Amino acid sequence: MGSTFNPQILVEKLGKLNGSQASIETLSHWCIFHMNKAKQVVETWARQFHSSPREKRLAFLYLANDILQNSRRKGSEFVGEFWKVLPDALRDVIANGDEFARNAALRLELCCKLDVTKCS
């Protein structure tokens, strides 16, 4: 996996992200491997989310959810950082996504309001 975090590598990986479970899980594991750089990971995620095509943004939300789910046993670094950017990202997809994306984002939003560590 490589031990050095490089934001540009994350940008490239996010550019290749798709909605498949394999794509999301692979990138999620890479991000969690770099948990000590959670702030940079989430800042990069947020920049790329807002510059990505609307049809790709749901995959970004699924990625954030997977990172939150799978990193919680190792620490709360990602929870604190994603909490800063997820509300706006969810609102964006709810306001601008197609019906499927809106419904998925609404489920994630409700889940996050109930307990961010138990979203699915």
PDB file of N, CA and C in Angstrom:
ATOM      1  N   MET A   1       0.813  -1.199   0.000  1.00  0.00           N
ATOM      2  CA  MET A   1       0.000   0.000   0.000  1.00  0.00           C
ATOM      3  C   MET A   1       0.850   1.255   0.000  1.00  0.00           C
ATOM      4  N   GLY A   2       2.070   1.158   0.415  1.00  0.00           N
ATOM      5  CA  GLY A   2       2.914   2.338   0.501  1.00  0.00           C
ATOM      6  C   GLY A   2       2.640   3.073   1.792  1.00  0.00           C
ATOM      7  N   SER A   3       3.693   3.509   2.468  1.00  0.00           N
ATOM      8  CA  SER A   3       3.505   4.073   3.800  1.00  0.00           C
ATOM      9  C   SER A   3       3.409   5.590   3.816  1.00  0.00           C
ATOM     10  N   THR A   4       3.678   6.248   2.711  1.00  0.00           N
ATOM     11  CA  THR A   4       3.655   7.703   2.677  1.00  0.00           C
ATOM     12  C   THR A   4       2.358   8.190   2.049  1.00  0.00           C
ATOM     13  N   PHE A   5       1.682   9.111   2.757  1.00  0.00           N
ATOM     14  CA  PHE A   5       0.457   9.685   2.215  1.00  0.00           C
ATOM     15  C   PHE A   5       0.814  10.828   1.283  1.00  0.00           C
ATOM     16  N   ASN A   6       0.188  10.829   0.116  1.00  0.00           N
ATOM     17  CA  ASN A   6       0.371  11.892  -0.857  1.00  0.00           C
ATOM     18  C   ASN A   6      -1.019  12.298  -1.341  1.00  0.00           C
ATOM     19  N   PRO A   7      -1.435  13.554  -1.080  1.00  0.00           N
ATOM     20  CA  PRO A   7      -2.773  13.974  -1.496  1.00  0.00           C
ATOM     21  C   PRO A   7      -3.032  13.792  -2.990  1.00  0.00           C
ATOM     22  N   GLN A   8      -2.005  13.945  -3.811  1.00  0.00           N
ATOM     23  CA  GLN A   8      -2.195  13.795  -5.257  1.00  0.00           C
ATOM     24  C   GLN A   8      -2.561  12.358  -5.624  1.00  0.00           C
ATOM     25  N   ILE A   9      -2.010  11.401  -4.904  1.00  0.00           N
ATOM     26  CA  ILE A   9      -2.380  10.001  -5.147  1.00  0.00           C
ATOM     27  C   ILE A   9      -3.853   9.796  -4.808  1.00  0.00           C
ATOM     28  N   LEU A  10      -4.309  10.416  -3.709  1.00  0.00           N
ATOM     29  CA  LEU A  10      -5.724  10.314  -3.350  1.00  0.00           C
ATOM     30  C   LEU A  10      -6.600  10.959  -4.419  1.00  0.00           C
ATOM     31  N   VAL A  11      -6.179  12.096  -4.949  1.00  0.00           N
ATOM     32  CA  VAL A  11      -6.937  12.752  -6.025  1.00  0.00           C
ATOM     33  C   VAL A  11      -7.085  11.793  -7.209  1.00  0.00           C
ATOM     34  N   GLU A  12      -6.000  11.133  -7.575  1.00  0.00           N
ATOM     35  CA  GLU A  12      -6.044  10.181  -8.688  1.00  0.00           C
ATOM     36  C   GLU A  12      -6.979   9.013  -8.382  1.00  0.00           C
ATOM     37  N   LYS A  13      -6.897   8.499  -7.164  1.00  0.00           N
ATOM     38  CA  LYS A  13      -7.755   7.379  -6.775  1.00  0.00           C
ATOM     39  C   LYS A  13      -9.226   7.802  -6.754  1.00  0.00           C
ATOM     40  N   LEU A  14      -9.508   9.000  -6.257  1.00  0.00           N
ATOM     41  CA  LEU A  14     -10.886   9.500  -6.253  1.00  0.00           C
ATOM     42  C   LEU A  14     -11.400   9.699  -7.675  1.00  0.00           C
ATOM     43  N   GLY A  15     -10.518  10.074  -8.586  1.00  0.00           N
ATOM     44  CA  GLY A  15     -10.907  10.238  -9.982  1.00  0.00           C
ATOM     45  C   GLY A  15     -11.341   8.931 -10.618  1.00  0.00           C
ATOM     46  N   LYS A  16     -10.826   7.821 -10.100  1.00  0.00           N
ATOM     47  CA  LYS A  16     -11.171   6.499 -10.628  1.00  0.00           C
ATOM     48  C   LYS A  16     -12.304   5.837  -9.847  1.00  0.00           C
ATOM     49  N   LEU A  17     -12.752   6.481  -8.770  1.00  0.00           N
ATOM     50  CA  LEU A  17     -13.808   5.912  -7.933  1.00  0.00           C
ATOM     51  C   LEU A  17     -15.090   5.727  -8.736  1.00  0.00           C
ATOM     52  N   ASN A  18     -15.721   4.570  -8.559  1.00  0.00           N
ATOM     53  CA  ASN A  18     -17.047   4.358  -9.133  1.00  0.00           C
ATOM     54  C   ASN A  18     -17.940   3.789  -8.037  1.00  0.00           C
ATOM     55  N   GLY A  19     -19.166   3.519  -8.353  1.00  0.00           N
ATOM     56  CA  GLY A  19     -20.119   3.075  -7.345  1.00  0.00           C
ATOM     57  C   GLY A  19     -20.035   1.608  -6.976  1.00  0.00           C
ATOM     58  N   SER A  20     -19.089   0.884  -7.539  1.00  0.00           N
ATOM     59  CA  SER A  20     -19.005  -0.544  -7.226  1.00  0.00           C
ATOM     60  C   SER A  20     -18.486  -0.746  -5.807  1.00  0.00           C
ATOM     61  N   GLN A  21     -18.944  -1.817  -5.199  1.00  0.00           N
ATOM     62  CA  GLN A  21     -18.514  -2.138  -3.842  1.00  0.00           C
ATOM     63  C   GLN A  21     -16.999  -2.316  -3.791  1.00  0.00           C
ATOM     64  N   ALA A  22     -16.433  -2.973  -4.780  1.00  0.00           N
ATOM     65  CA  ALA A  22     -14.988  -3.209  -4.798  1.00  0.00           C
ATOM     66  C   ALA A  22     -14.217  -1.896  -4.850  1.00  0.00           C
ATOM     67  N   SER A  23     -14.646  -0.974  -5.688  1.00  0.00           N
ATOM     68  CA  SER A  23     -13.979   0.323  -5.814  1.00  0.00           C
ATOM     69  C   SER A  23     -14.035   1.086  -4.495  1.00  0.00           C
ATOM     70  N   ILE A  24     -15.211   1.105  -3.887  1.00  0.00           N
ATOM     71  CA  ILE A  24     -15.401   1.834  -2.633  1.00  0.00           C
ATOM     72  C   ILE A  24     -14.579   1.203  -1.514  1.00  0.00           C
ATOM     73  N   GLU A  25     -14.647  -0.113  -1.376  1.00  0.00           N
ATOM     74  CA  GLU A  25     -13.923  -0.784  -0.294  1.00  0.00           C
ATOM     75  C   GLU A  25     -12.415  -0.672  -0.451  1.00  0.00           C
ATOM     76  N   THR A  26     -11.922  -0.786  -1.668  1.00  0.00           N
ATOM     77  CA  THR A  26     -10.478  -0.682  -1.895  1.00  0.00           C
ATOM     78  C   THR A  26      -9.965   0.691  -1.497  1.00  0.00           C
ATOM     79  N   LEU A  27     -10.655   1.743  -1.921  1.00  0.00           N
ATOM     80  CA  LEU A  27     -10.216   3.095  -1.581  1.00  0.00           C
ATOM     81  C   LEU A  27     -10.434   3.385  -0.101  1.00  0.00           C
ATOM     82  N   SER A  28     -11.493   2.861   0.471  1.00  0.00           N
ATOM     83  CA  SER A  28     -11.738   3.025   1.905  1.00  0.00           C
ATOM     84  C   SER A  28     -10.586   2.434   2.713  1.00  0.00           C
ATOM     85  N   HIS A  29     -10.164   1.239   2.373  1.00  0.00           N
ATOM     86  CA  HIS A  29      -9.047   0.612   3.086  1.00  0.00           C
ATOM     87  C   HIS A  29      -7.771   1.435   2.947  1.00  0.00           C
ATOM     88  N   TRP A  30      -7.533   1.979   1.773  1.00  0.00           N
ATOM     89  CA  TRP A  30      -6.349   2.819   1.555  1.00  0.00           C
ATOM     90  C   TRP A  30      -6.418   4.048   2.459  1.00  0.00           C
ATOM     91  N   CYS A  31      -7.575   4.677   2.518  1.00  0.00           N
ATOM     92  CA  CYS A  31      -7.736   5.870   3.361  1.00  0.00           C
ATOM     93  C   CYS A  31      -7.542   5.531   4.832  1.00  0.00           C
ATOM     94  N   ILE A  32      -8.122   4.419   5.273  1.00  0.00           N
ATOM     95  CA  ILE A  32      -7.991   4.019   6.677  1.00  0.00           C
ATOM     96  C   ILE A  32      -6.544   3.685   7.003  1.00  0.00           C
ATOM     97  N   PHE A  33      -5.826   3.119   6.054  1.00  0.00           N
ATOM     98  CA  PHE A  33      -4.398   2.854   6.248  1.00  0.00           C
ATOM     99  C   PHE A  33      -3.667   4.155   6.575  1.00  0.00           C
ATOM    100  N   HIS A  34      -4.153   5.262   6.026  1.00  0.00           N
ATOM    101  CA  HIS A  34      -3.553   6.580   6.252  1.00  0.00           C
ATOM    102  C   HIS A  34      -4.358   7.390   7.275  1.00  0.00           C
ATOM    103  N   MET A  35      -4.905   6.714   8.260  1.00  0.00           N
ATOM    104  CA  MET A  35      -5.751   7.353   9.267  1.00  0.00           C
ATOM    105  C   MET A  35      -5.043   8.509   9.974  1.00  0.00           C
ATOM    106  N   ASN A  36      -3.742   8.415  10.123  1.00  0.00           N
ATOM    107  CA  ASN A  36      -3.001   9.503  10.778  1.00  0.00           C
ATOM    108  C   ASN A  36      -3.040  10.792   9.959  1.00  0.00           C
ATOM    109  N   LYS A  37      -3.507  10.715   8.741  1.00  0.00           N
ATOM    110  CA  LYS A  37      -3.672  11.888   7.872  1.00  0.00           C
ATOM    111  C   LYS A  37      -5.153  12.133   7.587  1.00  0.00           C
ATOM    112  N   ALA A  38      -6.017  11.796   8.537  1.00  0.00           N
ATOM    113  CA  ALA A  38      -7.466  11.905   8.328  1.00  0.00           C
ATOM    114  C   ALA A  38      -7.872  13.301   7.881  1.00  0.00           C
ATOM    115  N   LYS A  39      -7.291  14.322   8.470  1.00  0.00           N
ATOM    116  CA  LYS A  39      -7.646  15.695   8.104  1.00  0.00           C
ATOM    117  C   LYS A  39      -7.363  15.941   6.623  1.00  0.00           C
ATOM    118  N   GLN A  40      -6.189  15.550   6.149  1.00  0.00           N
ATOM    119  CA  GLN A  40      -5.841  15.736   4.739  1.00  0.00           C
ATOM    120  C   GLN A  40      -6.714  14.872   3.830  1.00  0.00           C
ATOM    121  N   VAL A  41      -6.989  13.649   4.261  1.00  0.00           N
ATOM    122  CA  VAL A  41      -7.836  12.759   3.464  1.00  0.00           C
ATOM    123  C   VAL A  41      -9.208  13.393   3.269  1.00  0.00           C
ATOM    124  N   VAL A  42      -9.804  13.873   4.366  1.00  0.00           N
ATOM    125  CA  VAL A  42     -11.159  14.425   4.283  1.00  0.00           C
ATOM    126  C   VAL A  42     -11.166  15.757   3.535  1.00  0.00           C
ATOM    127  N   GLU A  43     -10.165  16.584   3.742  1.00  0.00           N
ATOM    128  CA  GLU A  43     -10.097  17.846   2.986  1.00  0.00           C
ATOM    129  C   GLU A  43      -9.995  17.566   1.490  1.00  0.00           C
ATOM    130  N   THR A  44      -9.189  16.586   1.116  1.00  0.00           N
ATOM    131  CA  THR A  44      -9.055  16.209  -0.292  1.00  0.00           C
ATOM    132  C   THR A  44     -10.367  15.623  -0.801  1.00  0.00           C
ATOM    133  N   TRP A  45     -10.985  14.757  -0.009  1.00  0.00           N
ATOM    134  CA  TRP A  45     -12.286  14.178  -0.364  1.00  0.00           C
ATOM    135  C   TRP A  45     -13.298  15.289  -0.648  1.00  0.00           C
ATOM    136  N   ALA A  46     -13.359  16.286   0.233  1.00  0.00           N
ATOM    137  CA  ALA A  46     -14.343  17.371   0.087  1.00  0.00           C
ATOM    138  C   ALA A  46     -14.082  18.191  -1.173  1.00  0.00           C
ATOM    139  N   ARG A  47     -12.827  18.530  -1.434  1.00  0.00           N
ATOM    140  CA  ARG A  47     -12.503  19.296  -2.650  1.00  0.00           C
ATOM    141  C   ARG A  47     -12.898  18.518  -3.896  1.00  0.00           C
ATOM    142  N   GLN A  48     -12.550  17.244  -3.920  1.00  0.00           N
ATOM    143  CA  GLN A  48     -12.845  16.423  -5.094  1.00  0.00           C
ATOM    144  C   GLN A  48     -14.345  16.159  -5.222  1.00  0.00           C
ATOM    145  N   PHE A  49     -15.033  16.012  -4.104  1.00  0.00           N
ATOM    146  CA  PHE A  49     -16.490  15.845  -4.138  1.00  0.00           C
ATOM    147  C   PHE A  49     -17.124  17.026  -4.856  1.00  0.00           C
ATOM    148  N   HIS A  50     -16.772  18.235  -4.439  1.00  0.00           N
ATOM    149  CA  HIS A  50     -17.410  19.430  -4.992  1.00  0.00           C
ATOM    150  C   HIS A  50     -16.982  19.723  -6.430  1.00  0.00           C
ATOM    151  N   SER A  51     -15.862  19.167  -6.868  1.00  0.00           N
ATOM    152  CA  SER A  51     -15.438  19.396  -8.254  1.00  0.00           C
ATOM    153  C   SER A  51     -15.804  18.218  -9.170  1.00  0.00           C
ATOM    154  N   SER A  52     -16.402  17.186  -8.605  1.00  0.00           N
ATOM    155  CA  SER A  52     -16.746  16.006  -9.409  1.00  0.00           C
ATOM    156  C   SER A  52     -18.102  16.189 -10.090  1.00  0.00           C
ATOM    157  N   PRO A  53     -18.335  15.426 -11.151  1.00  0.00           N
ATOM    158  CA  PRO A  53     -19.654  15.467 -11.796  1.00  0.00           C
ATOM    159  C   PRO A  53     -20.730  15.021 -10.805  1.00  0.00           C
ATOM    160  N   ARG A  54     -21.894  15.616 -10.906  1.00  0.00           N
ATOM    161  CA  ARG A  54     -22.991  15.311  -9.967  1.00  0.00           C
ATOM    162  C   ARG A  54     -23.306  13.818  -9.903  1.00  0.00           C
ATOM    163  N   GLU A  55     -23.222  13.141 -11.041  1.00  0.00           N
ATOM    164  CA  GLU A  55     -23.574  11.723 -11.065  1.00  0.00           C
ATOM    165  C   GLU A  55     -22.565  10.852 -10.314  1.00  0.00           C
ATOM    166  N   LYS A  56     -21.421  11.404  -9.979  1.00  0.00           N
ATOM    167  CA  LYS A  56     -20.391  10.645  -9.271  1.00  0.00           C
ATOM    168  C   LYS A  56     -20.411  10.899  -7.761  1.00  0.00           C
ATOM    169  N   ARG A  57     -21.161  11.869  -7.322  1.00  0.00           N
ATOM    170  CA  ARG A  57     -21.104  12.290  -5.919  1.00  0.00           C
ATOM    171  C   ARG A  57     -21.663  11.258  -4.951  1.00  0.00           C
ATOM    172  N   LEU A  58     -22.612  10.460  -5.382  1.00  0.00           N
ATOM    173  CA  LEU A  58     -23.136   9.431  -4.488  1.00  0.00           C
ATOM    174  C   LEU A  58     -22.041   8.428  -4.128  1.00  0.00           C
ATOM    175  N   ALA A  59     -21.182   8.096  -5.077  1.00  0.00           N
ATOM    176  CA  ALA A  59     -20.063   7.190  -4.789  1.00  0.00           C
ATOM    177  C   ALA A  59     -19.156   7.786  -3.715  1.00  0.00           C
ATOM    178  N   PHE A  60     -18.966   9.102  -3.738  1.00  0.00           N
ATOM    179  CA  PHE A  60     -18.174   9.765  -2.705  1.00  0.00           C
ATOM    180  C   PHE A  60     -18.835   9.599  -1.333  1.00  0.00           C
ATOM    181  N   LEU A  61     -20.165   9.730  -1.289  1.00  0.00           N
ATOM    182  CA  LEU A  61     -20.872   9.546  -0.014  1.00  0.00           C
ATOM    183  C   LEU A  61     -20.747   8.108   0.474  1.00  0.00           C
ATOM    184  N   TYR A  62     -20.865   7.156  -0.441  1.00  0.00           N
ATOM    185  CA  TYR A  62     -20.692   5.751  -0.058  1.00  0.00           C
ATOM    186  C   TYR A  62     -19.276   5.507   0.466  1.00  0.00           C
ATOM    187  N   LEU A  63     -18.299   6.136  -0.155  1.00  0.00           N
ATOM    188  CA  LEU A  63     -16.921   6.003   0.313  1.00  0.00           C
ATOM    189  C   LEU A  63     -16.782   6.557   1.727  1.00  0.00           C
ATOM    190  N   ALA A  64     -17.309   7.744   1.968  1.00  0.00           N
ATOM    191  CA  ALA A  64     -17.237   8.341   3.308  1.00  0.00           C
ATOM    192  C   ALA A  64     -17.899   7.421   4.324  1.00  0.00           C
ATOM    193  N   ASN A  65     -19.059   6.882   3.975  1.00  0.00           N
ATOM    194  CA  ASN A  65     -19.762   5.972   4.871  1.00  0.00           C
ATOM    195  C   ASN A  65     -18.909   4.748   5.182  1.00  0.00           C
ATOM    196  N   ASP A  66     -18.288   4.173   4.166  1.00  0.00           N
ATOM    197  CA  ASP A  66     -17.465   2.984   4.372  1.00  0.00           C
ATOM    198  C   ASP A  66     -16.262   3.298   5.259  1.00  0.00           C
ATOM    199  N   ILE A  67     -15.636   4.441   5.033  1.00  0.00           N
ATOM    200  CA  ILE A  67     -14.504   4.848   5.875  1.00  0.00           C
ATOM    201  C   ILE A  67     -14.965   4.991   7.322  1.00  0.00           C
ATOM    202  N   LEU A  68     -16.096   5.661   7.534  1.00  0.00           N
ATOM    203  CA  LEU A  68     -16.609   5.848   8.892  1.00  0.00           C
ATOM    204  C   LEU A  68     -16.910   4.509   9.551  1.00  0.00           C
ATOM    205  N   GLN A  69     -17.558   3.620   8.833  1.00  0.00           N
ATOM    206  CA  GLN A  69     -17.915   2.311   9.381  1.00  0.00           C
ATOM    207  C   GLN A  69     -16.687   1.495   9.765  1.00  0.00           C
ATOM    208  N   ASN A  70     -15.701   1.495   8.905  1.00  0.00           N
ATOM    209  CA  ASN A  70     -14.569   0.594   9.097  1.00  0.00           C
ATOM    210  C   ASN A  70     -13.411   1.189   9.881  1.00  0.00           C
ATOM    211  N   SER A  71     -13.450   2.476  10.145  1.00  0.00           N
ATOM    212  CA  SER A  71     -12.360   3.086  10.918  1.00  0.00           C
ATOM    213  C   SER A  71     -12.723   3.285  12.377  1.00  0.00           C
ATOM    214  N   ARG A  72     -13.979   3.157  12.729  1.00  0.00           N
ATOM    215  CA  ARG A  72     -14.420   3.525  14.077  1.00  0.00           C
ATOM    216  C   ARG A  72     -13.765   2.695  15.172  1.00  0.00           C
ATOM    217  N   ARG A  73     -13.407   1.447  14.887  1.00  0.00           N
ATOM    218  CA  ARG A  73     -12.751   0.614  15.897  1.00  0.00           C
ATOM    219  C   ARG A  73     -11.311   1.057  16.138  1.00  0.00           C
ATOM    220  N   LYS A  74     -10.763   1.775  15.198  1.00  0.00           N
ATOM    221  CA  LYS A  74      -9.359   2.178  15.281  1.00  0.00           C
ATOM    222  C   LYS A  74      -9.182   3.593  15.811  1.00  0.00           C
ATOM    223  N   GLY A  75     -10.262   4.352  15.887  1.00  0.00           N
ATOM    224  CA  GLY A  75     -10.176   5.724  16.380  1.00  0.00           C
ATOM    225  C   GLY A  75     -11.257   6.590  15.779  1.00  0.00           C
ATOM    226  N   SER A  76     -11.354   7.804  16.283  1.00  0.00           N
ATOM    227  CA  SER A  76     -12.430   8.707  15.853  1.00  0.00           C
ATOM    228  C   SER A  76     -11.942   9.810  14.918  1.00  0.00           C
ATOM    229  N   GLU A  77     -10.735   9.695  14.414  1.00  0.00           N
ATOM    230  CA  GLU A  77     -10.170  10.746  13.575  1.00  0.00           C
ATOM    231  C   GLU A  77     -11.074  11.091  12.396  1.00  0.00           C
ATOM    232  N   PHE A  78     -11.547  10.079  11.698  1.00  0.00           N
ATOM    233  CA  PHE A  78     -12.368  10.334  10.515  1.00  0.00           C
ATOM    234  C   PHE A  78     -13.742  10.885  10.881  1.00  0.00           C
ATOM    235  N   VAL A  79     -14.303  10.439  11.998  1.00  0.00           N
ATOM    236  CA  VAL A  79     -15.623  10.938  12.410  1.00  0.00           C
ATOM    237  C   VAL A  79     -15.567  12.446  12.590  1.00  0.00           C
ATOM    238  N   GLY A  80     -14.589  12.919  13.331  1.00  0.00           N
ATOM    239  CA  GLY A  80     -14.464  14.357  13.567  1.00  0.00           C
ATOM    240  C   GLY A  80     -14.263  15.157  12.294  1.00  0.00           C
ATOM    241  N   GLU A  81     -13.473  14.634  11.393  1.00  0.00           N
ATOM    242  CA  GLU A  81     -13.190  15.357  10.149  1.00  0.00           C
ATOM    243  C   GLU A  81     -14.378  15.313   9.183  1.00  0.00           C
ATOM    244  N   PHE A  82     -14.984  14.143   9.007  1.00  0.00           N
ATOM    245  CA  PHE A  82     -16.125  14.055   8.089  1.00  0.00           C
ATOM    246  C   PHE A  82     -17.323  14.836   8.611  1.00  0.00           C
ATOM    247  N   TRP A  83     -17.448  14.942   9.922  1.00  0.00           N
ATOM    248  CA  TRP A  83     -18.562  15.688  10.504  1.00  0.00           C
ATOM    249  C   TRP A  83     -18.542  17.137  10.032  1.00  0.00           C
ATOM    250  N   LYS A  84     -17.370  17.641   9.680  1.00  0.00           N
ATOM    251  CA  LYS A  84     -17.226  19.025   9.206  1.00  0.00           C
ATOM    252  C   LYS A  84     -17.734  19.202   7.772  1.00  0.00           C
ATOM    253  N   VAL A  85     -17.682  18.157   6.965  1.00  0.00           N
ATOM    254  CA  VAL A  85     -17.978  18.310   5.534  1.00  0.00           C
ATOM    255  C   VAL A  85     -19.195  17.525   5.045  1.00  0.00           C
ATOM    256  N   LEU A  86     -19.582  16.485   5.756  1.00  0.00           N
ATOM    257  CA  LEU A  86     -20.683  15.646   5.278  1.00  0.00           C
ATOM    258  C   LEU A  86     -22.034  16.347   5.218  1.00  0.00           C
ATOM    259  N   PRO A  87     -22.399  17.181   6.181  1.00  0.00           N
ATOM    260  CA  PRO A  87     -23.717  17.826   6.063  1.00  0.00           C
ATOM    261  C   PRO A  87     -23.901  18.581   4.748  1.00  0.00           C
ATOM    262  N   ASP A  88     -22.905  19.357   4.336  1.00  0.00           N
ATOM    263  CA  ASP A  88     -23.005  20.085   3.063  1.00  0.00           C
ATOM    264  C   ASP A  88     -23.037  19.130   1.874  1.00  0.00           C
ATOM    265  N   ALA A  89     -22.229  18.067   1.935  1.00  0.00           N
ATOM    266  CA  ALA A  89     -22.201  17.102   0.835  1.00  0.00           C
ATOM    267  C   ALA A  89     -23.551  16.398   0.702  1.00  0.00           C
ATOM    268  N   LEU A  90     -24.126  16.014   1.822  1.00  0.00           N
ATOM    269  CA  LEU A  90     -25.441  15.370   1.787  1.00  0.00           C
ATOM    270  C   LEU A  90     -26.498  16.319   1.234  1.00  0.00           C
ATOM    271  N   ARG A  91     -26.489  17.557   1.699  1.00  0.00           N
ATOM    272  CA  ARG A  91     -27.459  18.545   1.193  1.00  0.00           C
ATOM    273  C   ARG A  91     -27.313  18.738  -0.310  1.00  0.00           C
ATOM    274  N   ASP A  92     -26.078  18.749  -0.788  1.00  0.00           N
ATOM    275  CA  ASP A  92     -25.834  18.923  -2.222  1.00  0.00           C
ATOM    276  C   ASP A  92     -26.476  17.799  -3.025  1.00  0.00           C
ATOM    277  N   VAL A  93     -26.259  16.554  -2.600  1.00  0.00           N
ATOM    278  CA  VAL A  93     -26.816  15.420  -3.346  1.00  0.00           C
ATOM    279  C   VAL A  93     -28.337  15.392  -3.218  1.00  0.00           C
ATOM    280  N   ILE A  94     -28.856  15.736  -2.045  1.00  0.00           N
ATOM    281  CA  ILE A  94     -30.309  15.773  -1.865  1.00  0.00           C
ATOM    282  C   ILE A  94     -30.929  16.831  -2.778  1.00  0.00           C
ATOM    283  N   ALA A  95     -30.283  17.971  -2.896  1.00  0.00           N
ATOM    284  CA  ALA A  95     -30.823  19.069  -3.707  1.00  0.00           C
ATOM    285  C   ALA A  95     -30.625  18.861  -5.200  1.00  0.00           C
ATOM    286  N   ASN A  96     -29.539  18.218  -5.596  1.00  0.00           N
ATOM    287  CA  ASN A  96     -29.167  18.194  -7.012  1.00  0.00           C
ATOM    288  C   ASN A  96     -29.076  16.816  -7.652  1.00  0.00           C
ATOM    289  N   GLY A  97     -29.182  15.754  -6.870  1.00  0.00           N
ATOM    290  CA  GLY A  97     -29.032  14.415  -7.423  1.00  0.00           C
ATOM    291  C   GLY A  97     -30.300  13.916  -8.091  1.00  0.00           C
ATOM    292  N   ASP A  98     -30.175  12.813  -8.812  1.00  0.00           N
ATOM    293  CA  ASP A  98     -31.367  12.180  -9.367  1.00  0.00           C
ATOM    294  C   ASP A  98     -32.138  11.509  -8.223  1.00  0.00           C
ATOM    295  N   GLU A  99     -33.275  10.920  -8.540  1.00  0.00           N
ATOM    296  CA  GLU A  99     -34.132  10.363  -7.484  1.00  0.00           C
ATOM    297  C   GLU A  99     -33.411   9.300  -6.655  1.00  0.00           C
ATOM    298  N   PHE A 100     -32.677   8.405  -7.310  1.00  0.00           N
ATOM    299  CA  PHE A 100     -31.949   7.352  -6.597  1.00  0.00           C
ATOM    300  C   PHE A 100     -30.920   7.963  -5.650  1.00  0.00           C
ATOM    301  N   ALA A 101     -30.138   8.914  -6.150  1.00  0.00           N
ATOM    302  CA  ALA A 101     -29.105   9.556  -5.331  1.00  0.00           C
ATOM    303  C   ALA A 101     -29.730  10.319  -4.169  1.00  0.00           C
ATOM    304  N   ARG A 102     -30.813  11.041  -4.445  1.00  0.00           N
ATOM    305  CA  ARG A 102     -31.498  11.791  -3.375  1.00  0.00           C
ATOM    306  C   ARG A 102     -31.964  10.855  -2.268  1.00  0.00           C
ATOM    307  N   ASN A 103     -32.602   9.758  -2.654  1.00  0.00           N
ATOM    308  CA  ASN A 103     -33.102   8.810  -1.656  1.00  0.00           C
ATOM    309  C   ASN A 103     -31.964   8.197  -0.844  1.00  0.00           C
ATOM    310  N   ALA A 104     -30.874   7.838  -1.511  1.00  0.00           N
ATOM    311  CA  ALA A 104     -29.724   7.277  -0.800  1.00  0.00           C
ATOM    312  C   ALA A 104     -29.127   8.309   0.156  1.00  0.00           C
ATOM    313  N   ALA A 105     -29.002   9.543  -0.299  1.00  0.00           N
ATOM    314  CA  ALA A 105     -28.450  10.605   0.546  1.00  0.00           C
ATOM    315  C   ALA A 105     -29.369  10.895   1.731  1.00  0.00           C
ATOM    316  N   LEU A 106     -30.670  10.852   1.511  1.00  0.00           N
ATOM    317  CA  LEU A 106     -31.615  11.055   2.622  1.00  0.00           C
ATOM    318  C   LEU A 106     -31.471   9.961   3.672  1.00  0.00           C
ATOM    319  N   ARG A 107     -31.276   8.712   3.229  1.00  0.00           N
ATOM    320  CA  ARG A 107     -31.061   7.618   4.185  1.00  0.00           C
ATOM    321  C   ARG A 107     -29.770   7.834   4.966  1.00  0.00           C
ATOM    322  N   LEU A 108     -28.708   8.227   4.270  1.00  0.00           N
ATOM    323  CA  LEU A 108     -27.437   8.486   4.951  1.00  0.00           C
ATOM    324  C   LEU A 108     -27.563   9.654   5.919  1.00  0.00           C
ATOM    325  N   GLU A 109     -28.281  10.691   5.502  1.00  0.00           N
ATOM    326  CA  GLU A 109     -28.458  11.860   6.361  1.00  0.00           C
ATOM    327  C   GLU A 109     -29.206  11.479   7.633  1.00  0.00           C
ATOM    328  N   LEU A 110     -30.279  10.730   7.506  1.00  0.00           N
ATOM    329  CA  LEU A 110     -31.047  10.302   8.666  1.00  0.00           C
ATOM    330  C   LEU A 110     -30.181   9.455   9.588  1.00  0.00           C
ATOM    331  N   CYS A 111     -29.445   8.555   8.998  1.00  0.00           N
ATOM    332  CA  CYS A 111     -28.567   7.688   9.769  1.00  0.00           C
ATOM    333  C   CYS A 111     -27.532   8.508  10.533  1.00  0.00           C
ATOM    334  N   CYS A 112     -26.952   9.482   9.874  1.00  0.00           N
ATOM    335  CA  CYS A 112     -25.934  10.309  10.521  1.00  0.00           C
ATOM    336  C   CYS A 112     -26.531  11.131  11.654  1.00  0.00           C
ATOM    337  N   LYS A 113     -27.776  11.553  11.502  1.00  0.00           N
ATOM    338  CA  LYS A 113     -28.426  12.291  12.590  1.00  0.00           C
ATOM    339  C   LYS A 113     -28.653  11.384  13.786  1.00  0.00           C
ATOM    340  N   LEU A 114     -28.930  10.110  13.513  1.00  0.00           N
ATOM    341  CA  LEU A 114     -29.169   9.166  14.602  1.00  0.00           C
ATOM    342  C   LEU A 114     -27.866   8.747  15.270  1.00  0.00           C
ATOM    343  N   ASP A 115     -26.879   8.375  14.467  1.00  0.00           N
ATOM    344  CA  ASP A 115     -25.585   7.937  15.007  1.00  0.00           C
ATOM    345  C   ASP A 115     -24.616   7.768  13.854  1.00  0.00           C
ATOM    346  N   VAL A 116     -23.692   8.695  13.720  1.00  0.00           N
ATOM    347  CA  VAL A 116     -22.773   8.700  12.577  1.00  0.00           C
ATOM    348  C   VAL A 116     -21.947   7.424  12.489  1.00  0.00           C
ATOM    349  N   THR A 117     -21.732   6.742  13.611  1.00  0.00           N
ATOM    350  CA  THR A 117     -20.897   5.547  13.572  1.00  0.00           C
ATOM    351  C   THR A 117     -21.670   4.302  13.162  1.00  0.00           C
ATOM    352  N   LYS A 118     -22.979   4.437  12.924  1.00  0.00           N
ATOM    353  CA  LYS A 118     -23.756   3.258  12.549  1.00  0.00           C
ATOM    354  C   LYS A 118     -24.434   3.417  11.203  1.00  0.00           C
ATOM    355  N   CYS A 119     -23.948   4.300  10.363  1.00  0.00           N
ATOM    356  CA  CYS A 119     -24.534   4.498   9.039  1.00  0.00           C
ATOM    357  C   CYS A 119     -24.294   3.269   8.174  1.00  0.00           C
ATOM    358  N   SER A 120     -25.263   2.953   7.333  1.00  0.00           N
ATOM    359  CA  SER A 120     -25.062   1.855   6.382  1.00  0.00           C
ATOM    360  C   SER A 120     -25.994   2.020   5.213  1.00  0.00           C
TER     361      SER A 120
END
